[in-house]
Amino acid sequence: MPGVPGKAGIGDIRPVGLGAPEAAAHHRTITDRPHPAAKPRNEHLPQRAAMSLPIDRLLPIVLLLCSNIFMTFAWYGHLKYKSSPLPVAIAASWGIALFEYMLMVPANRWGSAYYSAPQLKGMQEVITLLVFAGFSAWFLDQPLKWNHWAGFGLIVVAAWLIFLE
């Protein structure tokens, strides 16, 4: 009965095996939880991320770099061969893109243990710009002009802002 020590009534029911503090925590509602903004940085990431080796943090970046090389060839490589039929260019691009995905997906999957999705996207954009700048000058013989570099620089600043807390 409620209020009688040792007697359980309907008001005294609590989950089996939980003491008073655990039972109180078990019955919290969503409104009892702290605001999401109060979470410490990267709390959602596995604990091993805090004690990771540098290679664990660098591997996703290297994979992003390699995947972007494939992506740039898939998207822009056909511009050097404009006499090829469009269906051939599309098929070749799709074939190249397969390798890009085989690197990009693991890069994002493994990278998400250390970086947020916006951080991964910001890194990917900067890497894409650097790869494209080299590709444009080397493969397409179209070096970037000052205004291209200025525009790319603004994108780099935007990516940097993503990493600020």
N, C-alpha and C. Protein backbone atom coordinates (compact mmCIF):
# COMPACT_ATOMS: atom_id res chain seq x y z
N MET A 1 0.83 -1.18 0.00
CA MET A 1 0.00 0.00 0.00
C MET A 1 0.87 1.25 0.00
N PRO A 2 0.40 2.29 -0.68
CA PRO A 2 1.18 3.51 -0.67
C PRO A 2 1.33 4.04 0.74
N GLY A 3 2.53 4.46 1.06
CA GLY A 3 2.79 5.05 2.37
C GLY A 3 3.07 4.04 3.46
N VAL A 4 2.89 2.76 3.20
CA VAL A 4 3.15 1.74 4.22
C VAL A 4 4.47 1.06 3.88
N PRO A 5 5.48 1.18 4.74
CA PRO A 5 6.77 0.57 4.46
C PRO A 5 6.63 -0.94 4.29
N GLY A 6 7.32 -1.46 3.26
CA GLY A 6 7.31 -2.90 3.02
C GLY A 6 6.13 -3.38 2.23
N LYS A 7 5.14 -2.59 1.98
CA LYS A 7 3.95 -2.97 1.22
C LYS A 7 3.94 -2.21 -0.09
N ALA A 8 3.82 -2.93 -1.18
CA ALA A 8 3.81 -2.29 -2.50
C ALA A 8 2.38 -2.06 -2.95
N GLY A 9 2.11 -0.86 -3.33
CA GLY A 9 0.83 -0.53 -3.90
C GLY A 9 1.02 -0.08 -5.35
N ILE A 10 -0.04 0.27 -6.04
CA ILE A 10 0.05 0.67 -7.43
C ILE A 10 0.97 1.86 -7.60
N GLY A 11 0.96 2.81 -6.71
CA GLY A 11 1.81 3.99 -6.81
C GLY A 11 3.28 3.70 -6.55
N ASP A 12 3.60 2.53 -5.97
CA ASP A 12 4.98 2.20 -5.62
C ASP A 12 5.66 1.30 -6.65
N ILE A 13 5.04 1.00 -7.74
CA ILE A 13 5.63 0.09 -8.72
C ILE A 13 6.80 0.77 -9.40
N ARG A 14 7.93 0.06 -9.48
CA ARG A 14 9.09 0.54 -10.20
C ARG A 14 9.76 -0.65 -10.88
N PRO A 15 10.56 -0.40 -11.88
CA PRO A 15 11.19 -1.51 -12.60
C PRO A 15 11.98 -2.42 -11.68
N VAL A 16 11.92 -3.73 -11.93
CA VAL A 16 12.59 -4.72 -11.10
C VAL A 16 14.09 -4.49 -11.16
N GLY A 17 14.74 -4.56 -10.01
CA GLY A 17 16.19 -4.46 -9.94
C GLY A 17 16.71 -3.03 -9.87
N LEU A 18 15.84 -2.06 -9.86
CA LEU A 18 16.31 -0.68 -9.79
C LEU A 18 16.02 -0.11 -8.41
N GLY A 19 17.03 0.51 -7.82
CA GLY A 19 16.84 1.20 -6.56
C GLY A 19 16.20 2.55 -6.81
N ALA A 20 16.04 3.35 -5.78
CA ALA A 20 15.37 4.64 -5.90
C ALA A 20 16.05 5.58 -6.90
N PRO A 21 17.38 5.77 -6.83
CA PRO A 21 17.99 6.70 -7.80
C PRO A 21 17.86 6.19 -9.24
N GLU A 22 18.07 4.87 -9.43
CA GLU A 22 17.97 4.32 -10.78
C GLU A 22 16.54 4.39 -11.29
N ALA A 23 15.58 4.16 -10.41
CA ALA A 23 14.18 4.23 -10.82
C ALA A 23 13.81 5.65 -11.22
N ALA A 24 14.32 6.62 -10.50
CA ALA A 24 14.03 8.01 -10.85
C ALA A 24 14.62 8.34 -12.21
N ALA A 25 15.84 7.86 -12.46
CA ALA A 25 16.47 8.12 -13.76
C ALA A 25 15.73 7.39 -14.87
N HIS A 26 15.22 6.20 -14.57
CA HIS A 26 14.51 5.40 -15.56
C HIS A 26 13.23 6.10 -16.01
N HIS A 27 12.60 6.84 -15.12
CA HIS A 27 11.31 7.46 -15.42
C HIS A 27 11.41 8.88 -15.91
N ARG A 28 12.62 9.34 -16.25
CA ARG A 28 12.75 10.70 -16.77
C ARG A 28 12.04 10.82 -18.11
N THR A 29 11.60 12.01 -18.37
CA THR A 29 10.96 12.28 -19.65
C THR A 29 11.94 13.03 -20.54
N ILE A 30 11.55 13.25 -21.77
CA ILE A 30 12.40 13.98 -22.71
C ILE A 30 12.68 15.38 -22.20
N THR A 31 11.72 15.99 -21.54
CA THR A 31 11.92 17.35 -21.05
C THR A 31 12.91 17.41 -19.90
N ASP A 32 13.19 16.26 -19.23
CA ASP A 32 14.17 16.23 -18.15
C ASP A 32 15.60 16.19 -18.67
N ARG A 33 15.79 15.87 -19.94
CA ARG A 33 17.13 15.76 -20.50
C ARG A 33 17.73 17.14 -20.73
N PRO A 34 19.07 17.22 -20.66
CA PRO A 34 19.69 18.52 -20.94
C PRO A 34 19.50 18.90 -22.40
N HIS A 35 19.57 20.17 -22.66
CA HIS A 35 19.43 20.68 -24.02
C HIS A 35 20.56 20.13 -24.88
N PRO A 36 20.29 19.74 -26.16
CA PRO A 36 21.35 19.19 -27.02
C PRO A 36 22.55 20.10 -27.17
N ALA A 37 22.35 21.40 -27.10
CA ALA A 37 23.47 22.34 -27.24
C ALA A 37 24.43 22.24 -26.06
N ALA A 38 23.98 21.65 -24.95
CA ALA A 38 24.82 21.54 -23.77
C ALA A 38 25.77 20.35 -23.85
N LYS A 39 25.64 19.52 -24.88
CA LYS A 39 26.50 18.35 -25.00
C LYS A 39 27.94 18.77 -25.26
N PRO A 40 28.90 18.09 -24.64
CA PRO A 40 30.29 18.38 -24.97
C PRO A 40 30.58 18.03 -26.42
N ARG A 41 31.62 18.64 -26.95
CA ARG A 41 32.00 18.42 -28.35
C ARG A 41 32.23 16.94 -28.63
N ASN A 42 31.66 16.46 -29.72
CA ASN A 42 31.85 15.09 -30.22
C ASN A 42 31.45 14.03 -29.20
N GLU A 43 30.49 14.32 -28.33
CA GLU A 43 30.04 13.33 -27.36
C GLU A 43 29.43 12.13 -28.06
N HIS A 44 28.87 12.34 -29.23
CA HIS A 44 28.22 11.28 -29.98
C HIS A 44 29.22 10.30 -30.59
N LEU A 45 30.51 10.64 -30.57
CA LEU A 45 31.51 9.79 -31.19
C LEU A 45 31.98 8.72 -30.20
N PRO A 46 32.46 7.58 -30.72
CA PRO A 46 32.96 6.53 -29.83
C PRO A 46 34.12 7.02 -28.98
N GLN A 47 34.30 6.41 -27.81
CA GLN A 47 35.36 6.82 -26.90
C GLN A 47 36.74 6.64 -27.50
N ARG A 48 36.93 5.64 -28.36
CA ARG A 48 38.25 5.40 -28.91
C ARG A 48 38.73 6.57 -29.76
N ALA A 49 37.82 7.44 -30.21
CA ALA A 49 38.22 8.58 -31.02
C ALA A 49 39.11 9.54 -30.22
N ALA A 50 38.89 9.62 -28.93
CA ALA A 50 39.67 10.54 -28.11
C ALA A 50 41.13 10.07 -27.99
N MET A 51 41.34 8.75 -28.05
CA MET A 51 42.69 8.22 -27.90
C MET A 51 43.16 7.56 -29.19
N SER A 52 42.86 8.15 -30.31
CA SER A 52 43.18 7.52 -31.59
C SER A 52 44.59 7.87 -32.05
N LEU A 53 45.10 7.03 -32.91
CA LEU A 53 46.38 7.30 -33.53
C LEU A 53 46.19 8.32 -34.64
N PRO A 54 47.21 9.07 -34.97
CA PRO A 54 47.07 10.05 -36.06
C PRO A 54 46.63 9.39 -37.37
N ILE A 55 47.05 8.15 -37.62
CA ILE A 55 46.67 7.49 -38.88
C ILE A 55 45.15 7.30 -38.95
N ASP A 56 44.51 7.08 -37.81
CA ASP A 56 43.06 6.91 -37.80
C ASP A 56 42.34 8.18 -38.25
N ARG A 57 42.91 9.33 -37.93
CA ARG A 57 42.32 10.60 -38.35
C ARG A 57 42.74 10.97 -39.76
N LEU A 58 43.92 10.50 -40.20
CA LEU A 58 44.42 10.86 -41.52
C LEU A 58 43.89 9.96 -42.62
N LEU A 59 43.59 8.70 -42.31
CA LEU A 59 43.13 7.77 -43.34
C LEU A 59 41.89 8.29 -44.07
N PRO A 60 40.88 8.80 -43.39
CA PRO A 60 39.72 9.34 -44.13
C PRO A 60 40.11 10.48 -45.07
N ILE A 61 41.06 11.31 -44.66
CA ILE A 61 41.47 12.43 -45.50
C ILE A 61 42.20 11.92 -46.74
N VAL A 62 43.06 10.92 -46.56
CA VAL A 62 43.77 10.33 -47.71
C VAL A 62 42.76 9.67 -48.66
N LEU A 63 41.78 8.96 -48.10
CA LEU A 63 40.76 8.34 -48.95
C LEU A 63 39.93 9.39 -49.68
N LEU A 64 39.62 10.49 -49.00
CA LEU A 64 38.89 11.59 -49.66
C LEU A 64 39.71 12.17 -50.81
N LEU A 65 41.00 12.32 -50.59
CA LEU A 65 41.88 12.83 -51.64
C LEU A 65 41.88 11.90 -52.85
N CYS A 66 42.07 10.61 -52.61
CA CYS A 66 42.09 9.63 -53.71
C CYS A 66 40.74 9.57 -54.42
N SER A 67 39.66 9.58 -53.66
CA SER A 67 38.33 9.51 -54.28
C SER A 67 38.07 10.74 -55.14
N ASN A 68 38.57 11.90 -54.70
CA ASN A 68 38.36 13.12 -55.47
C ASN A 68 39.16 13.13 -56.76
N ILE A 69 40.29 12.45 -56.78
CA ILE A 69 41.03 12.33 -58.04
C ILE A 69 40.19 11.55 -59.04
N PHE A 70 39.62 10.42 -58.61
CA PHE A 70 38.74 9.65 -59.49
C PHE A 70 37.52 10.47 -59.91
N MET A 71 36.92 11.17 -58.94
CA MET A 71 35.72 11.96 -59.23
C MET A 71 36.02 13.04 -60.26
N THR A 72 37.15 13.71 -60.13
CA THR A 72 37.49 14.78 -61.05
C THR A 72 37.69 14.23 -62.46
N PHE A 73 38.35 13.08 -62.57
CA PHE A 73 38.49 12.45 -63.89
C PHE A 73 37.13 12.03 -64.44
N ALA A 74 36.25 11.51 -63.58
CA ALA A 74 34.93 11.08 -64.04
C ALA A 74 34.10 12.27 -64.53
N TRP A 75 34.17 13.38 -63.82
CA TRP A 75 33.34 14.53 -64.17
C TRP A 75 33.91 15.39 -65.28
N TYR A 76 35.24 15.52 -65.32
CA TYR A 76 35.83 16.48 -66.25
C TYR A 76 36.81 15.87 -67.25
N GLY A 77 37.23 14.64 -67.07
CA GLY A 77 38.20 14.03 -67.97
C GLY A 77 37.74 13.93 -69.41
N HIS A 78 36.45 13.73 -69.62
CA HIS A 78 35.90 13.61 -70.97
C HIS A 78 35.99 14.91 -71.75
N LEU A 79 36.22 16.02 -71.06
CA LEU A 79 36.32 17.31 -71.77
C LEU A 79 37.54 17.37 -72.69
N LYS A 80 38.52 16.54 -72.42
CA LYS A 80 39.70 16.49 -73.27
C LYS A 80 39.43 15.65 -74.53
N TYR A 81 38.37 14.88 -74.51
CA TYR A 81 38.04 13.98 -75.62
C TYR A 81 36.63 14.29 -76.14
N LYS A 82 36.41 15.50 -76.54
CA LYS A 82 35.08 15.95 -76.96
C LYS A 82 34.61 15.27 -78.24
N SER A 83 35.51 14.66 -78.99
CA SER A 83 35.10 13.97 -80.22
C SER A 83 34.48 12.61 -79.93
N SER A 84 34.66 12.09 -78.71
CA SER A 84 34.05 10.81 -78.35
C SER A 84 32.54 10.98 -78.23
N PRO A 85 31.78 9.96 -78.61
CA PRO A 85 30.31 10.04 -78.47
C PRO A 85 29.92 10.22 -76.99
N LEU A 86 28.89 10.97 -76.77
CA LEU A 86 28.43 11.24 -75.41
C LEU A 86 28.12 9.97 -74.62
N PRO A 87 27.44 8.97 -75.21
CA PRO A 87 27.19 7.74 -74.44
C PRO A 87 28.48 7.06 -73.97
N VAL A 88 29.53 7.12 -74.77
CA VAL A 88 30.82 6.54 -74.36
C VAL A 88 31.39 7.33 -73.19
N ALA A 89 31.30 8.65 -73.25
CA ALA A 89 31.79 9.49 -72.15
C ALA A 89 31.02 9.20 -70.87
N ILE A 90 29.71 9.03 -71.00
CA ILE A 90 28.88 8.73 -69.82
C ILE A 90 29.26 7.39 -69.23
N ALA A 91 29.40 6.37 -70.07
CA ALA A 91 29.77 5.03 -69.59
C ALA A 91 31.14 5.03 -68.94
N ALA A 92 32.10 5.72 -69.55
CA ALA A 92 33.43 5.80 -68.96
C ALA A 92 33.39 6.53 -67.62
N SER A 93 32.62 7.60 -67.55
CA SER A 93 32.51 8.35 -66.30
C SER A 93 31.90 7.50 -65.20
N TRP A 94 30.89 6.72 -65.53
CA TRP A 94 30.27 5.84 -64.54
C TRP A 94 31.25 4.79 -64.05
N GLY A 95 32.05 4.25 -64.97
CA GLY A 95 33.06 3.27 -64.58
C GLY A 95 34.09 3.86 -63.64
N ILE A 96 34.53 5.08 -63.92
CA ILE A 96 35.49 5.75 -63.05
C ILE A 96 34.85 6.09 -61.71
N ALA A 97 33.58 6.50 -61.75
CA ALA A 97 32.88 6.89 -60.52
C ALA A 97 32.73 5.72 -59.56
N LEU A 98 32.67 4.50 -60.08
CA LEU A 98 32.59 3.33 -59.21
C LEU A 98 33.78 3.31 -58.26
N PHE A 99 34.98 3.56 -58.78
CA PHE A 99 36.17 3.58 -57.93
C PHE A 99 36.13 4.75 -56.95
N GLU A 100 35.57 5.86 -57.41
CA GLU A 100 35.42 7.00 -56.51
C GLU A 100 34.55 6.63 -55.32
N TYR A 101 33.44 5.96 -55.56
CA TYR A 101 32.54 5.56 -54.48
C TYR A 101 33.17 4.53 -53.56
N MET A 102 34.01 3.66 -54.14
CA MET A 102 34.67 2.64 -53.33
C MET A 102 35.66 3.26 -52.34
N LEU A 103 36.05 4.49 -52.57
CA LEU A 103 36.92 5.21 -51.64
C LEU A 103 36.15 6.21 -50.79
N MET A 104 35.18 6.88 -51.40
CA MET A 104 34.43 7.93 -50.70
C MET A 104 33.56 7.37 -49.57
N VAL A 105 32.89 6.27 -49.83
CA VAL A 105 32.00 5.71 -48.80
C VAL A 105 32.79 5.28 -47.56
N PRO A 106 33.88 4.51 -47.70
CA PRO A 106 34.65 4.19 -46.49
C PRO A 106 35.26 5.43 -45.83
N ALA A 107 35.68 6.40 -46.63
CA ALA A 107 36.25 7.63 -46.05
C ALA A 107 35.23 8.30 -45.14
N ASN A 108 34.00 8.41 -45.59
CA ASN A 108 32.96 9.05 -44.78
C ASN A 108 32.54 8.17 -43.61
N ARG A 109 32.45 6.86 -43.84
CA ARG A 109 32.04 5.95 -42.76
C ARG A 109 33.08 5.97 -41.65
N TRP A 110 34.34 5.77 -42.00
CA TRP A 110 35.39 5.75 -40.98
C TRP A 110 35.67 7.14 -40.43
N GLY A 111 35.57 8.13 -41.28
CA GLY A 111 35.80 9.51 -40.83
C GLY A 111 34.76 10.00 -39.85
N SER A 112 33.55 9.44 -39.91
CA SER A 112 32.49 9.88 -39.01
C SER A 112 32.77 9.49 -37.56
N ALA A 113 33.77 8.63 -37.32
CA ALA A 113 34.16 8.32 -35.95
C ALA A 113 34.96 9.46 -35.33
N TYR A 114 35.47 10.37 -36.15
CA TYR A 114 36.32 11.45 -35.66
C TYR A 114 35.83 12.83 -36.05
N TYR A 115 35.07 12.92 -37.13
CA TYR A 115 34.61 14.20 -37.64
C TYR A 115 33.09 14.17 -37.80
N SER A 116 32.48 15.34 -37.67
CA SER A 116 31.04 15.44 -37.92
C SER A 116 30.81 15.41 -39.44
N ALA A 117 29.57 15.17 -39.83
CA ALA A 117 29.23 15.16 -41.26
C ALA A 117 29.54 16.51 -41.92
N PRO A 118 29.21 17.65 -41.29
CA PRO A 118 29.58 18.92 -41.92
C PRO A 118 31.10 19.10 -42.04
N GLN A 119 31.86 18.60 -41.07
CA GLN A 119 33.32 18.69 -41.17
C GLN A 119 33.84 17.84 -42.32
N LEU A 120 33.29 16.63 -42.47
CA LEU A 120 33.70 15.77 -43.58
C LEU A 120 33.38 16.44 -44.91
N LYS A 121 32.21 17.05 -45.01
CA LYS A 121 31.82 17.72 -46.25
C LYS A 121 32.73 18.92 -46.52
N GLY A 122 33.05 19.68 -45.49
CA GLY A 122 33.95 20.82 -45.65
C GLY A 122 35.32 20.39 -46.14
N MET A 123 35.86 19.32 -45.53
CA MET A 123 37.15 18.78 -46.00
C MET A 123 37.06 18.34 -47.45
N GLN A 124 35.97 17.65 -47.77
CA GLN A 124 35.79 17.15 -49.13
C GLN A 124 35.77 18.29 -50.13
N GLU A 125 35.14 19.39 -49.80
CA GLU A 125 35.07 20.54 -50.71
C GLU A 125 36.45 21.15 -50.94
N VAL A 126 37.23 21.31 -49.87
CA VAL A 126 38.57 21.88 -50.02
C VAL A 126 39.45 20.94 -50.84
N ILE A 127 39.38 19.64 -50.55
CA ILE A 127 40.15 18.66 -51.31
C ILE A 127 39.75 18.69 -52.78
N THR A 128 38.44 18.77 -53.04
CA THR A 128 37.95 18.83 -54.41
C THR A 128 38.53 20.03 -55.15
N LEU A 129 38.55 21.18 -54.50
CA LEU A 129 39.08 22.38 -55.14
C LEU A 129 40.57 22.25 -55.45
N LEU A 130 41.32 21.69 -54.51
CA LEU A 130 42.76 21.52 -54.74
C LEU A 130 43.03 20.53 -55.86
N VAL A 131 42.31 19.41 -55.85
CA VAL A 131 42.47 18.41 -56.91
C VAL A 131 42.08 19.01 -58.26
N PHE A 132 40.95 19.73 -58.27
CA PHE A 132 40.49 20.32 -59.52
C PHE A 132 41.48 21.36 -60.06
N ALA A 133 42.04 22.17 -59.17
CA ALA A 133 43.00 23.19 -59.61
C ALA A 133 44.18 22.54 -60.32
N GLY A 134 44.72 21.47 -59.73
CA GLY A 134 45.82 20.75 -60.37
C GLY A 134 45.39 20.08 -61.66
N PHE A 135 44.24 19.46 -61.66
CA PHE A 135 43.71 18.75 -62.83
C PHE A 135 43.47 19.73 -63.98
N SER A 136 42.90 20.87 -63.67
CA SER A 136 42.59 21.85 -64.70
C SER A 136 43.86 22.35 -65.38
N ALA A 137 44.88 22.61 -64.59
CA ALA A 137 46.14 23.11 -65.15
C ALA A 137 46.91 22.00 -65.87
N TRP A 138 46.99 20.82 -65.25
CA TRP A 138 47.83 19.75 -65.77
C TRP A 138 47.16 18.97 -66.91
N PHE A 139 45.93 18.53 -66.71
CA PHE A 139 45.27 17.65 -67.67
C PHE A 139 44.53 18.42 -68.76
N LEU A 140 43.84 19.48 -68.37
CA LEU A 140 43.04 20.23 -69.34
C LEU A 140 43.78 21.43 -69.93
N ASP A 141 44.96 21.72 -69.44
CA ASP A 141 45.73 22.90 -69.88
C ASP A 141 44.94 24.19 -69.72
N GLN A 142 44.20 24.29 -68.62
CA GLN A 142 43.42 25.48 -68.30
C GLN A 142 43.77 25.94 -66.88
N PRO A 143 44.90 26.61 -66.71
CA PRO A 143 45.27 27.05 -65.35
C PRO A 143 44.24 28.04 -64.80
N LEU A 144 44.13 28.05 -63.49
CA LEU A 144 43.18 28.95 -62.85
C LEU A 144 43.69 30.38 -62.88
N LYS A 145 42.75 31.30 -63.00
CA LYS A 145 43.07 32.74 -62.98
C LYS A 145 42.85 33.27 -61.57
N TRP A 146 43.22 34.52 -61.36
CA TRP A 146 43.14 35.10 -60.02
C TRP A 146 41.73 35.03 -59.44
N ASN A 147 40.71 35.26 -60.27
CA ASN A 147 39.34 35.26 -59.77
C ASN A 147 38.89 33.85 -59.36
N HIS A 148 39.40 32.83 -60.06
CA HIS A 148 39.10 31.45 -59.67
C HIS A 148 39.71 31.16 -58.29
N TRP A 149 41.00 31.55 -58.13
CA TRP A 149 41.67 31.34 -56.86
C TRP A 149 40.96 32.11 -55.74
N ALA A 150 40.52 33.32 -56.02
CA ALA A 150 39.82 34.12 -55.01
C ALA A 150 38.51 33.44 -54.60
N GLY A 151 37.76 32.96 -55.58
CA GLY A 151 36.51 32.25 -55.28
C GLY A 151 36.76 30.98 -54.49
N PHE A 152 37.78 30.22 -54.89
CA PHE A 152 38.12 29.01 -54.16
C PHE A 152 38.58 29.34 -52.75
N GLY A 153 39.30 30.46 -52.60
CA GLY A 153 39.75 30.88 -51.28
C GLY A 153 38.58 31.16 -50.35
N LEU A 154 37.53 31.75 -50.88
CA LEU A 154 36.35 32.01 -50.06
C LEU A 154 35.68 30.69 -49.63
N ILE A 155 35.71 29.71 -50.49
CA ILE A 155 35.15 28.40 -50.13
C ILE A 155 36.00 27.76 -49.04
N VAL A 156 37.32 27.93 -49.10
CA VAL A 156 38.21 27.41 -48.06
C VAL A 156 37.90 28.08 -46.73
N VAL A 157 37.66 29.39 -46.75
CA VAL A 157 37.30 30.10 -45.52
C VAL A 157 35.98 29.54 -44.97
N ALA A 158 35.03 29.27 -45.84
CA ALA A 158 33.75 28.70 -45.40
C ALA A 158 33.98 27.33 -44.76
N ALA A 159 34.85 26.52 -45.36
CA ALA A 159 35.14 25.20 -44.78
C ALA A 159 35.82 25.35 -43.42
N TRP A 160 36.70 26.34 -43.29
CA TRP A 160 37.37 26.59 -42.01
C TRP A 160 36.35 26.94 -40.93
N LEU A 161 35.35 27.75 -41.29
CA LEU A 161 34.32 28.13 -40.33
C LEU A 161 33.56 26.92 -39.80
N ILE A 162 33.42 25.89 -40.59
CA ILE A 162 32.71 24.67 -40.17
C ILE A 162 33.42 24.03 -38.98
N PHE A 163 34.74 24.16 -38.92
CA PHE A 163 35.50 23.52 -37.85
C PHE A 163 35.54 24.33 -36.56
N LEU A 164 35.06 25.56 -36.58
CA LEU A 164 35.03 26.36 -35.34
C LEU A 164 33.93 25.84 -34.43
N GLU A 165 34.18 25.89 -33.17
CA GLU A 165 33.18 25.46 -32.17
C GLU A 165 32.47 26.64 -31.59
